[in-house]
Protein backbone atom coordinates (compact mmCIF):
# COMPACT_ATOMS: atom_id res chain seq x y z
CA MET A 1 0.00 0.00 0.00
CA ILE A 2 1.44 3.38 -1.02
CA ILE A 3 0.86 5.95 1.70
CA PRO A 4 -0.51 9.24 0.25
CA SER A 5 1.99 12.07 0.48
CA TRP A 6 -0.36 14.38 2.40
CA ILE A 7 -0.77 11.76 5.10
CA ILE A 8 2.98 11.25 5.21
CA TYR A 9 3.57 14.94 5.64
CA MET A 10 0.88 15.57 8.22
CA SER A 11 1.80 12.58 10.35
CA CYS A 12 5.45 13.60 10.28
CA PHE A 13 4.75 17.23 11.00
CA LEU A 14 2.30 16.62 13.81
CA GLY A 15 4.34 13.83 15.34
CA ILE A 16 7.67 15.58 15.33
CA CYS A 17 6.97 17.51 18.52
CA SER A 18 6.36 14.37 20.54
CA TRP A 19 9.49 12.27 20.00
CA HIS A 20 9.79 11.65 23.71
CA ARG A 21 6.28 10.31 24.28
CA MET A 22 5.93 7.65 26.96
CA ALA A 23 7.43 4.25 26.21
CA GLY A 24 4.83 1.96 24.74
CA GLU A 25 2.59 4.67 23.26
CA SER A 26 1.32 4.19 19.75
CA VAL A 27 2.91 6.59 17.27
CA ILE A 28 -0.39 7.26 15.52
CA SER A 29 -3.01 7.24 18.27
CA GLY A 30 -0.97 8.04 21.36
CA THR A 31 -2.61 5.11 23.17
CA ARG A 32 -0.69 2.58 25.20
CA LEU A 33 0.42 -0.56 23.41
CA PRO A 34 0.36 -3.92 25.16
CA GLY A 35 3.66 -5.41 26.34
CA PRO A 36 5.93 -6.99 23.75
CA ALA A 37 4.50 -10.05 22.10
CA LYS A 38 6.25 -13.39 22.08
CA ALA A 39 9.11 -13.24 19.58
CA ALA A 40 8.03 -14.15 16.05
CA THR A 41 9.68 -17.12 14.39
CA GLY A 42 12.79 -16.04 12.52
CA PRO A 43 14.81 -12.86 13.03
CA ASN A 44 13.69 -9.38 12.08
CA VAL A 45 15.96 -7.35 9.80
CA ILE A 46 16.21 -3.56 9.63
CA LEU A 47 18.42 -2.26 6.82
CA ILE A 48 19.25 1.44 7.12
CA LEU A 49 20.71 2.86 3.90
CA VAL A 50 21.86 6.48 4.05
CA ASP A 51 22.80 8.79 1.22
CA ASP A 52 26.21 10.25 0.40
CA GLN A 53 27.85 9.56 3.76
CA GLY A 54 31.63 9.36 3.72
CA TRP A 55 33.70 6.72 5.48
CA GLY A 56 35.19 9.34 7.78
CA ALA A 57 32.09 11.54 8.15
CA THR A 58 30.78 10.07 11.42
CA SER A 59 32.18 9.98 14.95
CA VAL A 60 32.59 6.20 14.75
CA LEU A 61 36.23 5.21 14.40
CA MET A 62 35.85 3.03 11.34
CA ASP A 63 39.43 1.77 11.64
CA ASP A 64 41.04 1.75 15.08
CA GLN A 65 44.45 2.19 13.43
CA ILE A 66 43.44 5.35 11.54
CA PRO A 67 42.34 8.33 13.69
CA GLU A 68 41.11 10.19 10.59
CA SER A 69 38.51 7.47 9.98
CA ALA A 70 36.31 9.39 12.44
CA SER A 71 35.33 13.03 12.01
CA ASP A 72 36.84 15.63 14.32
CA PHE A 73 33.60 17.67 14.21
CA ASN A 74 30.57 15.60 13.16
CA ARG A 75 28.86 13.75 15.99
CA THR A 76 26.90 10.49 15.67
CA PRO A 77 26.41 9.15 19.22
CA ASN A 78 23.80 6.59 18.19
CA LEU A 79 26.04 5.13 15.51
CA GLU A 80 28.70 4.84 18.20
CA LYS A 81 26.20 2.81 20.26
CA LEU A 82 25.43 0.63 17.24
CA ALA A 83 29.16 0.01 16.77
CA GLU A 84 29.50 -0.85 20.45
CA ALA A 85 26.62 -3.33 20.09
CA GLY A 86 27.85 -4.88 16.85
CA MET A 87 30.58 -5.04 14.23
CA ARG A 88 32.33 -2.42 12.11
CA PHE A 89 33.69 -3.39 8.72
CA VAL A 90 36.91 -1.48 8.04
CA GLN A 91 36.71 -2.34 4.35
CA GLY A 92 32.98 -1.89 3.86
CA TYR A 93 32.10 -0.82 0.33
CA ALA A 94 29.01 0.55 -1.34
CA PRO A 95 28.41 -1.33 -4.59
CA HIS A 96 28.90 1.78 -6.72
CA PRO A 97 29.98 5.43 -6.46
CA ASN A 98 26.48 6.68 -7.34
CA CYS A 99 23.02 6.29 -5.90
CA SER A 100 20.65 4.29 -8.11
CA PRO A 101 23.14 1.54 -9.06
CA SER A 102 24.07 0.93 -5.42
CA ARG A 103 20.43 0.63 -4.45
CA ALA A 104 19.67 -1.81 -7.27
CA SER A 105 22.71 -3.88 -6.35
CA ILE A 106 21.72 -4.15 -2.68
CA GLN A 107 18.22 -5.18 -3.71
CA THR A 108 19.39 -7.91 -6.10
CA GLY A 109 22.70 -9.24 -4.79
CA LYS A 110 24.42 -8.45 -8.10
CA SER A 111 27.00 -5.85 -9.05
CA PRO A 112 25.78 -2.79 -10.94
CA ALA A 113 28.01 -3.84 -13.86
CA LYS A 114 26.22 -7.17 -14.13
CA LEU A 115 22.85 -5.43 -13.86
CA HIS A 116 23.89 -2.94 -16.60
CA PHE A 117 22.82 -0.26 -14.13
CA THR A 118 25.88 2.00 -13.98
CA ASP A 119 24.47 5.47 -13.44
CA ILE A 120 21.48 7.08 -11.82
CA ILE A 121 18.12 6.83 -13.54
CA GLY A 122 17.64 9.45 -16.22
CA ARG A 123 21.30 9.43 -17.30
CA VAL A 124 21.09 6.42 -19.58
CA GLY A 125 24.05 7.22 -21.84
CA GLY A 126 24.59 6.14 -25.44
CA ASN A 127 24.34 9.67 -26.83
CA GLU A 128 26.31 9.73 -30.08
CA ASN A 129 26.22 13.53 -30.08
CA THR A 130 28.24 13.88 -26.90
CA THR A 131 31.20 16.24 -26.88
CA ASN A 132 33.09 14.11 -24.31
CA ARG A 133 36.16 12.17 -25.35
CA LEU A 134 34.28 8.88 -24.83
CA ILE A 135 30.70 7.81 -25.54
CA ARG A 136 29.05 6.31 -22.49
CA PRO A 137 27.30 2.95 -22.93
CA ARG A 138 23.55 2.79 -22.49
CA HIS A 139 22.22 1.23 -19.32
CA ILE A 140 18.84 0.22 -17.97
CA ASN A 141 16.74 3.07 -16.67
CA GLY A 142 15.02 1.27 -13.81
CA LEU A 143 14.92 -1.96 -11.83
CA VAL A 144 13.59 -4.63 -14.18
CA ASP A 145 10.84 -7.08 -13.25
CA ASN A 146 12.84 -10.25 -13.88
CA GLU A 147 15.33 -9.43 -11.12
CA VAL A 148 14.37 -11.07 -7.82
CA THR A 149 14.85 -8.54 -5.03
CA ILE A 150 15.62 -9.51 -1.46
CA ALA A 151 12.01 -8.66 -0.55
CA GLU A 152 10.70 -10.95 -3.30
CA LEU A 153 13.05 -13.73 -2.21
CA ILE A 154 11.71 -13.43 1.32
CA LYS A 155 8.11 -13.50 0.11
CA GLN A 156 8.79 -16.60 -2.00
CA HIS A 157 10.38 -18.63 0.80
CA ARG A 158 9.15 -17.01 4.01
CA PRO A 159 5.65 -15.72 3.17
CA GLU A 160 4.87 -15.10 6.83
CA TYR A 161 7.28 -12.13 6.75
CA ALA A 162 6.09 -8.56 6.40
CA THR A 163 8.21 -6.30 4.18
CA ALA A 164 8.43 -2.51 3.96
CA HIS A 165 10.52 0.15 2.26
CA PHE A 166 10.36 3.72 3.56
CA GLY A 167 12.23 6.64 2.03
CA LYS A 168 14.28 6.97 -1.13
CA TRP A 169 13.78 4.35 -3.86
CA HIS A 170 15.27 6.08 -6.95
CA MET A 171 15.14 3.00 -9.17
CA LYS A 172 11.82 3.48 -10.98
CA GLY A 173 10.60 0.02 -12.04
CA GLY A 174 7.14 0.65 -10.60
CA GLY A 175 8.41 1.34 -7.07
CA PRO A 176 8.98 -0.94 -4.08
CA GLU A 177 5.54 -2.55 -4.15
CA ASN A 178 6.26 -3.90 -7.62
CA HIS A 179 9.31 -5.64 -6.16
CA GLY A 180 8.13 -7.51 -3.09
CA TYR A 181 7.40 -4.81 -0.53
CA ASP A 182 4.02 -4.77 1.21
CA VAL A 183 4.22 -1.09 2.17
CA SER A 184 6.27 1.83 0.85
CA ASP A 185 6.42 5.54 0.18
CA GLY A 186 6.17 4.84 -3.56
CA SER A 187 8.64 5.33 -6.39
CA THR A 188 10.47 8.23 -4.76
CA GLY A 189 13.60 10.07 -5.90
CA ASN A 190 15.77 12.86 -4.57
CA GLY A 191 12.97 15.42 -4.74
CA GLU A 192 11.02 13.97 -1.83
CA GLY A 193 14.00 14.63 0.41
CA ASN A 194 14.21 18.33 -0.45
CA ARG A 195 10.86 19.59 0.84
CA LYS A 196 12.42 22.01 3.33
CA TYR A 197 10.09 21.19 6.23
CA PRO A 198 11.83 22.94 9.17
CA GLN A 199 10.91 20.26 11.70
CA ASN A 200 11.43 17.30 9.36
CA PRO A 201 14.68 17.93 7.47
CA LYS A 202 15.32 15.50 4.60
CA ASP A 203 12.24 13.61 5.86
CA ILE A 204 14.51 12.02 8.47
CA PHE A 205 11.85 11.92 11.15
CA GLY A 206 9.00 11.17 8.77
CA ILE A 207 10.80 8.07 7.47
CA THR A 208 11.68 7.07 11.01
CA ARG A 209 8.15 7.54 12.36
CA ARG A 210 6.61 5.56 9.54
CA GLY A 211 9.11 2.80 10.20
CA ILE A 212 8.42 2.79 13.93
CA SER A 213 4.67 2.67 13.44
CA TRP A 214 5.03 -0.25 11.04
CA ILE A 215 7.36 -2.14 13.41
CA GLU A 216 4.87 -1.70 16.25
CA GLU A 217 2.04 -3.04 14.11
CA ASN A 218 3.98 -6.17 13.20
CA VAL A 219 5.27 -6.85 16.70
CA GLU A 220 1.71 -6.59 17.96
CA LYS A 221 0.69 -9.18 15.33
CA ASN A 222 3.66 -11.40 16.27
CA LYS A 223 4.79 -11.13 12.64
CA PRO A 224 8.49 -11.23 11.65
CA PHE A 225 9.61 -8.46 9.34
CA PHE A 226 12.17 -7.10 6.92
CA MET A 227 12.24 -3.31 6.74
CA MET A 228 14.41 -1.00 4.71
CA LEU A 229 14.79 2.64 5.75
CA ALA A 230 16.40 4.51 2.85
CA HIS A 231 17.26 8.01 4.02
CA TYR A 232 17.67 11.07 1.81
CA ALA A 233 20.26 12.48 4.21
CA THR A 234 23.06 13.31 3.85
CA HIS A 235 22.49 14.10 0.17
CA LYS A 236 22.53 17.68 -1.03
CA TYR A 237 20.74 19.92 -0.57
CA ILE A 238 21.59 20.29 3.10
CA GLU A 239 18.71 20.49 5.58
CA ASN A 240 18.67 20.28 9.37
CA LEU A 241 16.72 21.23 12.46
CA PRO A 242 17.30 24.91 13.33
CA SER A 243 18.18 23.96 16.91
CA THR A 244 20.77 21.43 15.76
CA LEU A 245 22.30 23.90 13.33
CA LYS A 246 22.59 26.48 16.10
CA THR A 247 24.43 23.99 18.29
CA PHE A 248 27.05 23.27 15.64
CA GLU A 249 27.39 26.90 14.60
CA GLU A 250 28.29 27.66 18.21
CA SER A 251 30.73 24.75 18.47
CA PRO A 252 34.43 25.09 17.60
CA GLY A 253 35.18 23.48 14.28
CA GLY A 254 37.65 20.68 13.84
CA THR A 255 40.92 20.89 11.96
CA ARG A 256 39.66 18.64 9.16
CA HIS A 257 35.88 19.12 9.37
CA ASP A 258 34.05 22.32 10.30
CA HIS A 259 30.92 22.56 8.12
CA ALA A 260 28.18 23.30 10.67
CA ALA A 261 25.20 22.71 8.37
CA HIS A 262 26.47 19.32 7.17
CA ALA A 263 27.37 18.31 10.72
CA ALA A 264 23.86 19.26 11.86
CA MET A 265 22.24 17.19 9.11
CA THR A 266 24.49 14.27 10.05
CA TYR A 267 23.47 14.61 13.69
CA ASP A 268 19.76 14.76 12.85
CA LEU A 269 20.13 11.61 10.76
CA ASP A 270 21.84 9.94 13.69
CA THR A 271 18.93 10.96 15.92
CA GLY A 272 16.60 9.09 13.57
CA VAL A 273 18.81 6.00 13.81
CA GLY A 274 18.70 6.27 17.59
CA MET A 275 14.90 6.42 17.55
CA ILE A 276 14.80 3.08 15.71
CA MET A 277 17.31 1.52 18.10
CA ASP A 278 15.35 2.74 21.11
CA LYS A 279 12.09 1.36 19.73
CA VAL A 280 13.63 -2.05 19.08
CA LYS A 281 14.85 -2.13 22.68
CA GLU A 282 11.53 -0.86 24.06
CA LEU A 283 9.56 -3.54 22.22
CA GLY A 284 11.80 -6.27 23.61
CA ILE A 285 12.94 -7.54 20.20
CA SER A 286 16.65 -6.66 20.38
CA ASP A 287 17.72 -10.29 20.75
CA ASN A 288 15.82 -11.21 17.59
CA THR A 289 16.55 -8.21 15.36
CA TYR A 290 19.50 -7.41 13.09
CA ILE A 291 20.25 -3.77 12.32
CA ILE A 292 22.41 -3.01 9.28
CA TYR A 293 23.78 0.45 8.49
CA LEU A 294 25.63 1.56 5.36
CA ALA A 295 25.75 4.34 2.76
CA ASP A 296 25.07 4.21 -0.97
CA ASN A 297 28.37 5.94 -1.81
CA GLY A 298 30.84 8.44 -0.44
CA SER A 299 30.19 12.09 0.25
CA PHE A 300 30.44 14.97 -2.20
CA PRO A 301 33.50 17.27 -2.48
CA GLY A 302 34.15 20.75 -1.26
CA LEU A 303 32.47 20.93 2.15
CA ASN A 304 35.35 20.84 4.59
CA PRO A 305 39.02 21.83 4.80
CA ALA A 306 39.92 18.13 4.37
CA ASN A 307 38.02 15.36 2.61
CA THR A 308 34.67 14.63 4.25
CA ASN A 309 35.39 10.97 3.43
CA GLY A 310 38.31 10.89 5.88
CA PRO A 311 41.86 10.16 4.74
CA LEU A 312 40.62 8.70 1.45
CA ARG A 313 41.18 10.09 -2.03
CA GLY A 314 38.13 11.15 -4.02
CA TRP A 315 34.39 11.29 -3.42
CA LYS A 316 31.08 10.13 -4.90
CA ALA A 317 31.06 9.53 -8.67
CA THR A 318 34.68 8.35 -8.55
CA LEU A 319 36.21 4.92 -7.94
CA TRP A 320 38.85 6.24 -5.62
CA GLU A 321 38.31 4.97 -2.07
CA GLY A 322 36.39 8.12 -1.13
CA GLY A 323 33.70 7.28 -3.68
CA ILE A 324 32.98 3.71 -2.65
CA ARG A 325 34.26 2.96 0.87
CA SER A 326 31.37 3.47 3.25
CA PRO A 327 30.38 3.27 6.91
CA PHE A 328 29.26 -0.36 7.27
CA LEU A 329 27.94 -1.71 10.58
CA ILE A 330 25.87 -4.72 11.62
CA ALA A 331 24.44 -5.56 15.06
CA GLY A 332 22.15 -8.37 16.11
CA PRO A 333 21.88 -11.90 17.45
CA GLY A 334 25.22 -13.68 17.67
CA VAL A 335 27.24 -10.58 16.71
CA LYS A 336 29.79 -9.77 19.40
CA GLY A 337 29.65 -6.13 20.37
CA GLY A 338 32.51 -3.74 19.76
CA THR A 339 34.15 -5.97 17.17
CA LEU A 340 35.88 -5.04 13.95
CA SER A 341 36.45 -6.96 10.74
CA ARG A 342 39.11 -6.23 8.14
CA GLU A 343 37.56 -8.52 5.54
CA ARG A 344 36.50 -6.65 2.39
CA VAL A 345 32.70 -6.60 2.14
CA VAL A 346 30.29 -4.95 -0.30
CA GLY A 347 26.65 -3.96 -0.24
CA TYR A 348 25.49 -6.83 -2.42
CA ASP A 349 26.81 -9.29 0.19
CA LEU A 350 23.74 -8.38 2.24
CA TYR A 351 21.38 -10.33 -0.04
CA PRO A 352 22.85 -13.77 0.74
CA THR A 353 23.51 -12.72 4.34
CA ILE A 354 19.85 -11.92 4.98
CA ALA A 355 18.84 -15.09 3.15
CA GLU A 356 21.04 -17.16 5.46
CA TRP A 357 19.64 -15.43 8.55
CA LEU A 358 16.16 -16.42 7.38
CA GLY A 359 17.15 -19.97 6.47
CA ILE A 360 16.65 -19.42 2.74
CA LYS A 361 18.95 -21.71 0.78
CA ALA A 362 17.43 -21.51 -2.71
CA ILE A 363 19.46 -18.60 -4.05
CA SER A 364 20.15 -18.08 -7.74
CA PRO A 365 23.70 -18.97 -8.86
CA GLU A 366 23.69 -15.58 -10.61
CA ILE A 367 24.01 -13.83 -7.22
CA GLU A 368 27.47 -12.31 -6.90
CA GLY A 369 27.50 -11.51 -3.19
CA GLY A 370 28.64 -13.81 -0.41
CA SER A 371 27.14 -14.29 3.03
CA LEU A 372 28.77 -12.43 5.92
CA CYS A 373 27.37 -14.80 8.54
CA ASN A 374 30.65 -16.64 9.04
CA ILE A 375 32.41 -13.37 9.85
CA LEU A 376 29.60 -12.10 12.06
CA LYS A 377 29.63 -15.31 14.11
CA ASN A 378 33.41 -15.29 14.55
CA ALA A 379 34.14 -11.82 15.92
CA GLY A 380 35.16 -10.45 12.52
CA ASN A 381 37.37 -13.34 11.46
CA GLY A 382 36.82 -15.47 8.38
CA GLN A 383 36.33 -14.94 4.68
CA VAL A 384 33.47 -14.17 2.33
CA SER A 385 32.86 -16.85 -0.31
CA ARG A 386 31.81 -15.35 -3.65
CA PRO A 387 31.82 -16.67 -7.23
CA HIS A 388 35.05 -14.74 -7.85
CA ASP A 389 38.03 -14.09 -5.58
CA PHE A 390 38.01 -10.40 -6.55
CA LEU A 391 35.63 -7.44 -6.58
CA VAL A 392 35.13 -5.23 -9.63
CA PHE A 393 33.59 -1.75 -9.60
CA HIS A 394 32.67 -0.40 -13.03
CA TRP A 395 32.08 3.28 -13.78
CA PRO A 396 31.88 3.89 -17.57
CA ARG A 397 30.52 7.41 -16.94
CA TYR A 398 31.32 11.07 -16.54
CA VAL A 399 30.38 13.49 -13.80
CA LEU A 400 32.55 16.35 -14.94
CA SER A 401 31.85 18.66 -12.01
CA LYS A 402 33.41 16.06 -9.71
CA GLY A 403 36.47 15.46 -11.89
CA SER A 404 35.07 12.07 -12.76
CA HIS A 405 35.71 10.11 -15.97
CA PRO A 406 35.19 6.49 -17.11
CA SER A 407 37.14 3.88 -15.16
CA THR A 408 37.04 0.41 -13.63
CA VAL A 409 38.80 -0.93 -10.54
CA ILE A 410 39.48 -4.47 -9.37
CA PHE A 411 40.38 -5.55 -5.83
CA ARG A 412 42.19 -8.76 -5.00
CA GLY A 413 43.94 -9.24 -1.69
CA ASP A 414 45.65 -6.01 -0.67
CA TYR A 415 45.88 -4.74 -4.25
CA LYS A 416 43.61 -2.39 -6.16
CA LEU A 417 44.07 -1.74 -9.87
CA HIS A 418 42.51 1.25 -11.65
CA LYS A 419 41.93 1.45 -15.39
CA PHE A 420 41.17 4.86 -16.88
CA TYR A 421 39.52 4.55 -20.28
CA GLU A 422 40.31 7.97 -21.76
CA THR A 423 44.01 7.09 -21.86
CA GLY A 424 44.08 3.35 -21.10
CA GLU A 425 46.31 4.08 -18.10
CA LEU A 426 46.58 1.43 -15.36
CA ARG A 427 47.49 2.19 -11.75
CA LEU A 428 48.18 -0.32 -9.01
CA TYR A 429 47.97 0.45 -5.29
CA ASN A 430 48.45 -1.55 -2.12
CA ILE A 431 45.28 -0.42 -0.41
CA LYS A 432 46.31 -1.86 2.97
CA GLU A 433 49.52 0.15 3.13
CA ASP A 434 48.39 3.16 1.09
CA ILE A 435 44.73 3.88 1.87
CA GLY A 436 45.05 7.35 0.32
CA GLU A 437 46.14 5.86 -3.04
CA ASN A 438 49.17 8.09 -3.28
CA LYS A 439 51.91 5.73 -4.50
CA PRO A 440 51.36 3.68 -7.68
CA LEU A 441 53.22 0.35 -7.64
CA ASN A 442 53.24 -0.46 -11.36
CA ARG A 443 57.03 -0.56 -11.61
CA GLU A 444 57.47 -2.64 -8.47
CA HIS A 445 54.81 -5.22 -9.37
CA PRO A 446 54.30 -5.40 -13.17
CA HIS A 447 53.13 -9.02 -12.96
CA VAL A 448 50.37 -8.07 -10.49
CA VAL A 449 49.25 -5.33 -12.89
CA GLU A 450 49.14 -7.81 -15.75
CA VAL A 451 47.23 -10.49 -13.82
CA LEU A 452 44.67 -8.11 -12.34
CA HIS A 453 44.11 -6.33 -15.65
CA GLN A 454 43.42 -9.66 -17.35
CA ALA A 455 41.01 -10.70 -14.57
CA MET A 456 39.21 -7.37 -14.92
CA GLN A 457 38.86 -7.73 -18.69
CA ASP A 458 37.71 -11.34 -18.42
CA TYR A 459 35.05 -10.45 -15.86
CA LEU A 460 33.69 -7.51 -17.85
CA LYS A 461 33.48 -9.73 -20.92
CA GLU A 462 31.82 -12.52 -18.92
CA ILE A 463 28.98 -10.26 -17.78
CA ASP A 464 28.80 -8.37 -21.10
CA ALA A 465 29.39 -5.09 -19.29
CA GLY A 466 28.59 -1.83 -21.05
CA MET A 467 31.86 -0.23 -22.13
CA PRO A 468 32.72 3.34 -23.12
CA ARG A 469 33.64 3.90 -26.79
CA VAL A 470 35.92 6.37 -28.49
CA ASN A 471 34.06 9.39 -29.81
CA ALA A 472 35.25 9.74 -33.41
CA ARG A 473 33.95 13.33 -33.52
CA TYR A 474 35.71 14.43 -30.35
CA ASP A 475 37.08 17.99 -30.43
CA GLU A 476 39.19 18.94 -27.43
CA ALA A 477 38.25 22.60 -27.86
CA LYS A 478 34.60 21.67 -27.26
CA ASP A 479 35.22 19.26 -24.38
CA PRO A 480 32.79 20.25 -21.57
CA GLY A 481 35.25 18.93 -19.01
CA ARG A 482 37.83 21.61 -19.75
CA LYS A 483 36.55 23.92 -17.02
CA PHE A 484 36.96 21.11 -14.48
CA LYS A 485 40.44 20.16 -15.68
CA ASP A 486 42.20 21.29 -12.49
CA LEU A 487 39.91 19.19 -10.30
CA LYS A 488 40.37 16.15 -12.52
CA GLU A 489 44.15 16.53 -12.53
CA ALA A 490 44.26 16.98 -8.77
CA LEU A 491 42.38 13.71 -8.32
CA MET A 492 44.75 12.00 -10.76
CA LEU A 493 47.82 13.43 -8.98
CA VAL A 494 48.99 15.10 -12.17
CA GLU A 495 52.09 17.16 -11.43
CA LYS A 496 52.04 20.72 -12.76
């Protein structure tokens, strides 16, 4: 059932002033709910996906060996509590450096390259009249019906489960309810997060309240559930509660981060996360509920004196670490609190992970993710088993204003190889020793370059990935990227 927008707005607006209502009160009616029902069979899963949040943009120390992996200004006390209750993944990756592809990948358990979903909806590529050096390949412009989402998988094998998706969808395809979700906000995009409601910035508290109400309804019915909360924050344009903004404007800025408005939006988002955590505890379902938190890609450039993404190079719309490495936390039954894993994980690993939690074994061999359950059960130790022993991130696109141009990267072990399609240049980094990607190792390890490049090419051919093509009519004088040349060269470490 799609909830009408006027009801969404009114319920959010009227409810925002009563966040601290008595424990056990109904969100909608204000009446007392009965005590928590007997735990439903099977665990509940809450997946919180946030927008454009950098690896180093929270106050959670994502890597205990890297102080800059936590912000020196932004504050996220509830995420700190989630980390204390669960596991942080040092090498947690969004599936893609842009929004829509990451979301589709998480839903389906497949890489955006395999889905042929390599840019946001609306930017489908294939324009022969482009003035860029390369012609972008076409890609699908919405989630297709023949892909089985995690919600559809649950419905097929565990029909007793309730499913919901609140917040940003941004994948077209008929919206969440065409893909296995019982309840949703509809086929939303960025616009629904930019309404400028002073007491409901980025719809943070509206999404949260709708989620809480739905959780309460299902707990009362003794019904297990899978719920996805897809926040618009911290995407531009920046919104926040006036009171939160005032607090950060009056606080001394950090050396690396000092953007009060962004910090306030981050804090308000964290408040929404805390409301969910508190409700789970209040309802007595903590020991039967997993909470997952990650971002769809890194943050955007230009906010702070140093990179909002921490010590990483780059930002969203690039395949440097700042574009794809993300906050990634999981808490729940059997997950030892305060633990950290250094295993490389990616958003599409969540599909088989959730399936294993729910006892679903009939998963398509086309799924590219691997279950994280082994790692979660063993205090962060273990390995993820996937069809390939590497991860490939494919970006055959341009976002000129971010210095971004077509590229692919492949990870295997401690190595990461970039391929830049405008020039064909390859760059190898040891990502364990050089997280900022400052020192190419091509000369030291030519064989590694050769092997990884071949694996990358073989994989892209195997999945019939869309590839950029040379623009025969290219004229450098008309290249629209010329005005962003300095930014692009800075990212590429081009010496002047």
